[in-house]
Amino acid sequence: MFNKRIIVALDSNDINKTIKLVKTLRKDVYAFKIGYEFFFNFGLKGYKKIYSICPKIFLDLKLHDIPNTVKNGLNALAKIKPLLTTIHISGGDQMMLSSKPKKNFTKVLGVSVLTSLNSKQTKKYYNESNVSLLVKKFAKLAKKNKLDGVVCSPKEIKYIRRQTGKNFIIVTPGIRINNKIKKDDQKRIETPRKAIEMGANYLVIGRPITQAKDPLKVLKEINKTIS
């Protein structure tokens, strides 16, 4: 049996289509990612429908607020038992230190630099044009402040793995099977096999699977390349 590494992103405003997809893919994924689009469309009710089919969920809401607000938000969120959830590393040291839920079932990952940002954007908003340098700095701070891992692009995996050790979780979006997706908003991308070889634990893949004519076939093919 292959080691499940793929987290399928459920970015959808069609609950019935999403439920059908989850039922089709559940045996071949590590987890399903629920983000803004799904959660704001269907809320806790929709979340629970997915959870009832597959309880392995990455709830990606990227919390970013004052420490006490994030702490209380994560304690509330832990009640619905996602495997993984996210906060922004740029929220600061105290926010990260306050972010461990009372119930330790949920792992908290730090979001470094969004994969949609290039060097011009990071220079403008972080005063640093070297994206990799910025992400590496954020990853060190995430570990120092007791987060369970980070979300980063494939381009920074190798360095982060060397700096943080084998027990630090690395979740990687920006995974593409080919370059056929039109109007792709991801700037820093890589193939599944290469990302795993560099040290990623889990890969977040959305459109290459969910928009395929046969999502299960595509997922199985990806699994074969990284097993």
Protein backbone atom coordinates (compact mmCIF):
# COMPACT_ATOMS: atom_id res chain seq x y z
CA MET A 1 0.00 0.00 0.00
CA PHE A 2 1.36 3.41 -0.93
CA ASN A 3 2.06 6.09 1.64
CA LYS A 4 -0.74 8.63 1.22
CA ARG A 5 0.67 12.11 0.68
CA ILE A 6 -1.94 14.00 -1.34
CA ILE A 7 -4.33 16.56 0.17
CA VAL A 8 -7.06 17.38 -2.35
CA ALA A 9 -8.29 20.97 -2.20
CA LEU A 10 -12.09 21.24 -2.24
CA ASP A 11 -12.42 24.72 -3.75
CA SER A 12 -16.04 24.60 -4.84
CA ASN A 13 -19.43 26.26 -4.56
CA ASP A 14 -21.28 23.06 -5.49
CA ILE A 15 -21.84 20.92 -2.40
CA ASN A 16 -23.31 17.92 -4.21
CA LYS A 17 -20.46 17.78 -6.70
CA THR A 18 -17.97 18.06 -3.86
CA ILE A 19 -19.58 15.28 -1.83
CA LYS A 20 -19.49 13.02 -4.88
CA LEU A 21 -15.81 13.85 -5.41
CA VAL A 22 -14.93 13.11 -1.77
CA LYS A 23 -16.67 9.74 -1.92
CA THR A 24 -14.75 8.91 -5.09
CA LEU A 25 -11.30 9.93 -3.81
CA ARG A 26 -11.40 9.25 -0.07
CA LYS A 27 -9.53 5.93 -0.13
CA ASP A 28 -6.61 7.35 -2.10
CA VAL A 29 -5.95 10.68 -0.33
CA TYR A 30 -4.22 11.67 2.87
CA ALA A 31 -6.84 14.35 3.55
CA PHE A 32 -9.13 16.95 1.99
CA LYS A 33 -8.47 20.68 2.26
CA ILE A 34 -11.35 22.98 3.09
CA GLY A 35 -10.60 26.64 2.52
CA TYR A 36 -12.45 29.93 2.26
CA GLU A 37 -14.61 29.19 -0.77
CA PHE A 38 -16.09 25.97 0.58
CA PHE A 39 -16.30 27.08 4.22
CA PHE A 40 -17.92 30.43 3.52
CA ASN A 41 -20.41 28.83 1.15
CA PHE A 42 -21.39 25.87 3.32
CA GLY A 43 -20.10 26.60 6.83
CA LEU A 44 -20.05 24.05 9.63
CA LYS A 45 -22.92 22.13 8.07
CA GLY A 46 -20.94 21.56 4.89
CA TYR A 47 -17.79 20.79 6.86
CA LYS A 48 -19.60 18.12 8.85
CA LYS A 49 -20.95 16.53 5.67
CA ILE A 50 -17.41 16.12 4.38
CA TYR A 51 -16.16 15.00 7.79
CA SER A 52 -18.80 12.28 7.95
CA ILE A 53 -17.43 10.82 4.70
CA CYS A 54 -13.73 11.38 5.43
CA PRO A 55 -12.68 12.78 8.84
CA LYS A 56 -9.19 13.65 7.66
CA ILE A 57 -9.52 17.37 6.97
CA PHE A 58 -7.05 20.22 6.55
CA LEU A 59 -9.07 23.31 7.51
CA ASP A 60 -7.12 26.10 5.85
CA LEU A 61 -8.50 29.39 7.20
CA LYS A 62 -5.14 31.19 7.68
CA LEU A 63 -5.97 32.94 10.95
CA HIS A 64 -4.27 36.29 11.49
CA ASP A 65 -5.26 38.49 14.43
CA ILE A 66 -4.17 39.52 17.92
CA PRO A 67 -2.86 36.59 20.02
CA ASN A 68 -5.88 36.15 22.28
CA THR A 69 -8.34 36.19 19.38
CA VAL A 70 -6.36 33.56 17.47
CA LYS A 71 -5.95 31.44 20.59
CA ASN A 72 -9.69 31.43 21.30
CA GLY A 73 -10.51 30.87 17.65
CA LEU A 74 -8.25 27.82 17.49
CA ASN A 75 -9.72 26.38 20.70
CA ALA A 76 -13.17 26.67 19.14
CA LEU A 77 -11.95 25.24 15.85
CA ALA A 78 -10.35 22.25 17.59
CA LYS A 79 -13.83 21.06 18.58
CA ILE A 80 -14.53 20.06 14.98
CA LYS A 81 -11.26 18.08 14.88
CA PRO A 82 -9.43 18.99 11.69
CA LEU A 83 -6.10 17.20 11.31
CA LEU A 84 -4.39 20.41 10.24
CA THR A 85 -5.13 24.12 10.30
CA THR A 86 -3.23 27.33 9.51
CA ILE A 87 -2.21 30.68 10.91
CA HIS A 88 -0.05 33.40 9.35
CA ILE A 89 3.53 33.44 10.64
CA SER A 90 3.56 37.20 10.03
CA GLY A 91 1.10 37.53 12.95
CA GLY A 92 4.15 37.58 15.20
CA ASP A 93 5.84 35.64 17.98
CA GLN A 94 3.16 35.94 20.63
CA MET A 95 0.38 34.99 18.25
CA MET A 96 2.24 31.82 17.30
CA LEU A 97 3.10 30.94 20.89
CA SER A 98 -0.56 31.34 21.85
CA SER A 99 -1.83 29.23 18.99
CA LYS A 100 -1.68 25.69 20.35
CA PRO A 101 -5.25 24.41 20.84
CA LYS A 102 -6.13 22.90 24.22
CA LYS A 103 -6.93 19.67 22.39
CA ASN A 104 -3.73 18.59 20.68
CA PHE A 105 -5.42 16.55 17.96
CA THR A 106 -5.14 19.47 15.53
CA LYS A 107 -1.70 20.39 14.18
CA VAL A 108 -1.09 24.10 13.57
CA LEU A 109 0.90 25.10 10.49
CA GLY A 110 2.37 28.50 9.75
CA VAL A 111 1.71 30.12 6.40
CA SER A 112 4.95 31.64 5.15
CA VAL A 113 4.64 33.55 1.86
CA LEU A 114 1.65 32.82 -0.36
CA THR A 115 2.63 30.96 -3.52
CA SER A 116 0.82 33.61 -5.59
CA LEU A 117 3.43 36.24 -4.62
CA ASN A 118 6.55 36.92 -6.66
CA SER A 119 9.62 38.99 -5.81
CA LYS A 120 8.00 42.30 -6.80
CA GLN A 121 5.12 41.70 -4.42
CA THR A 122 7.30 40.58 -1.51
CA LYS A 123 9.51 43.64 -2.00
CA LYS A 124 6.44 45.85 -1.89
CA TYR A 125 4.77 44.29 1.15
CA TYR A 126 7.65 42.70 3.11
CA ASN A 127 10.55 44.89 1.94
CA GLU A 128 12.36 41.77 0.72
CA SER A 129 12.68 40.82 -2.94
CA ASN A 130 14.33 37.46 -2.23
CA VAL A 131 11.25 35.25 -1.74
CA SER A 132 13.20 32.18 -0.66
CA LEU A 133 15.14 34.13 1.95
CA LEU A 134 11.92 35.50 3.38
CA VAL A 135 10.26 32.07 3.53
CA LYS A 136 13.31 30.52 5.19
CA LYS A 137 13.31 33.23 7.83
CA PHE A 138 9.59 32.67 8.50
CA ALA A 139 10.08 28.89 8.78
CA LYS A 140 12.78 29.32 11.43
CA LEU A 141 10.46 31.58 13.40
CA ALA A 142 7.61 29.09 13.10
CA LYS A 143 9.71 26.33 14.63
CA LYS A 144 11.11 28.62 17.31
CA ASN A 145 7.56 29.56 18.29
CA LYS A 146 6.43 25.92 18.60
CA LEU A 147 4.27 25.53 15.50
CA ASP A 148 3.92 21.99 14.15
CA GLY A 149 5.02 22.88 10.65
CA VAL A 150 4.70 25.27 7.73
CA VAL A 151 3.01 25.72 4.40
CA CYS A 152 5.55 26.71 1.76
CA SER A 153 6.13 26.52 -1.96
CA PRO A 154 8.24 23.70 -3.43
CA LYS A 155 11.12 26.10 -3.97
CA GLU A 156 11.85 26.38 -0.24
CA ILE A 157 11.30 22.77 0.87
CA LYS A 158 14.90 21.55 0.82
CA TYR A 159 16.29 24.36 2.94
CA ILE A 160 13.42 24.26 5.44
CA ARG A 161 13.81 20.51 5.88
CA ARG A 162 17.53 20.90 6.62
CA GLN A 163 16.89 23.66 9.14
CA THR A 164 13.89 22.23 10.98
CA GLY A 165 14.52 18.49 11.07
CA LYS A 166 12.46 15.45 10.14
CA ASN A 167 9.57 15.95 12.60
CA PHE A 168 8.58 19.40 11.33
CA ILE A 169 5.60 19.12 8.95
CA ILE A 170 5.98 20.63 5.50
CA VAL A 171 2.80 21.00 3.44
CA THR A 172 3.30 22.20 -0.10
CA PRO A 173 0.81 23.81 -2.48
CA GLY A 174 1.83 24.99 -5.94
CA ILE A 175 1.91 21.43 -7.26
CA ARG A 176 1.33 21.01 -10.98
CA ILE A 177 1.31 17.89 -13.13
CA ASN A 178 1.79 19.99 -16.27
CA ASN A 179 1.44 23.61 -17.37
CA LYS A 180 -1.92 23.28 -19.11
CA ILE A 181 -3.96 25.17 -16.51
CA LYS A 182 -4.93 28.55 -17.89
CA LYS A 183 -4.66 31.72 -15.81
CA ASP A 184 -2.70 29.95 -13.08
CA ASP A 185 -2.29 32.21 -10.04
CA GLN A 186 0.46 30.06 -8.54
CA LYS A 187 3.91 31.49 -9.25
CA ARG A 188 6.28 29.06 -7.50
CA ILE A 189 5.38 25.55 -8.66
CA GLU A 190 6.83 22.03 -8.94
CA THR A 191 5.88 18.46 -9.86
CA PRO A 192 4.63 16.03 -7.17
CA ARG A 193 7.63 13.68 -7.37
CA LYS A 194 10.18 16.48 -7.13
CA ALA A 195 8.42 18.07 -4.15
CA ILE A 196 8.40 14.78 -2.23
CA GLU A 197 12.05 14.13 -3.09
CA MET A 198 12.95 17.54 -1.69
CA GLY A 199 11.33 16.72 1.64
CA ALA A 200 7.65 17.67 1.63
CA ASN A 201 5.37 15.58 3.84
CA TYR A 202 2.12 16.37 2.05
CA LEU A 203 1.14 17.97 -1.24
CA VAL A 204 -1.94 20.12 -1.73
CA ILE A 205 -3.39 19.59 -5.18
CA GLY A 206 -6.65 21.08 -6.37
CA ARG A 207 -7.46 21.83 -9.99
CA PRO A 208 -5.17 19.25 -11.65
CA ILE A 209 -7.28 16.60 -9.90
CA THR A 210 -10.69 18.20 -9.34
CA GLN A 211 -10.97 19.61 -12.87
CA ALA A 212 -9.81 16.40 -14.56
CA LYS A 213 -12.23 14.29 -16.59
CA ASP A 214 -11.37 11.35 -14.34
CA PRO A 215 -10.17 12.71 -10.95
CA LEU A 216 -9.58 9.27 -9.43
CA LYS A 217 -7.43 8.16 -12.34
CA VAL A 218 -5.30 11.30 -12.09
CA LEU A 219 -4.94 10.89 -8.32
CA LYS A 220 -3.87 7.26 -8.68
CA GLU A 221 -1.32 8.22 -11.33
CA ILE A 222 0.15 10.88 -9.03
CA ASN A 223 0.30 8.40 -6.15
CA LYS A 224 2.28 6.00 -8.31
CA THR A 225 4.90 8.66 -9.06
CA ILE A 226 5.51 9.44 -5.38
CA SER A 227 5.17 6.00 -3.76
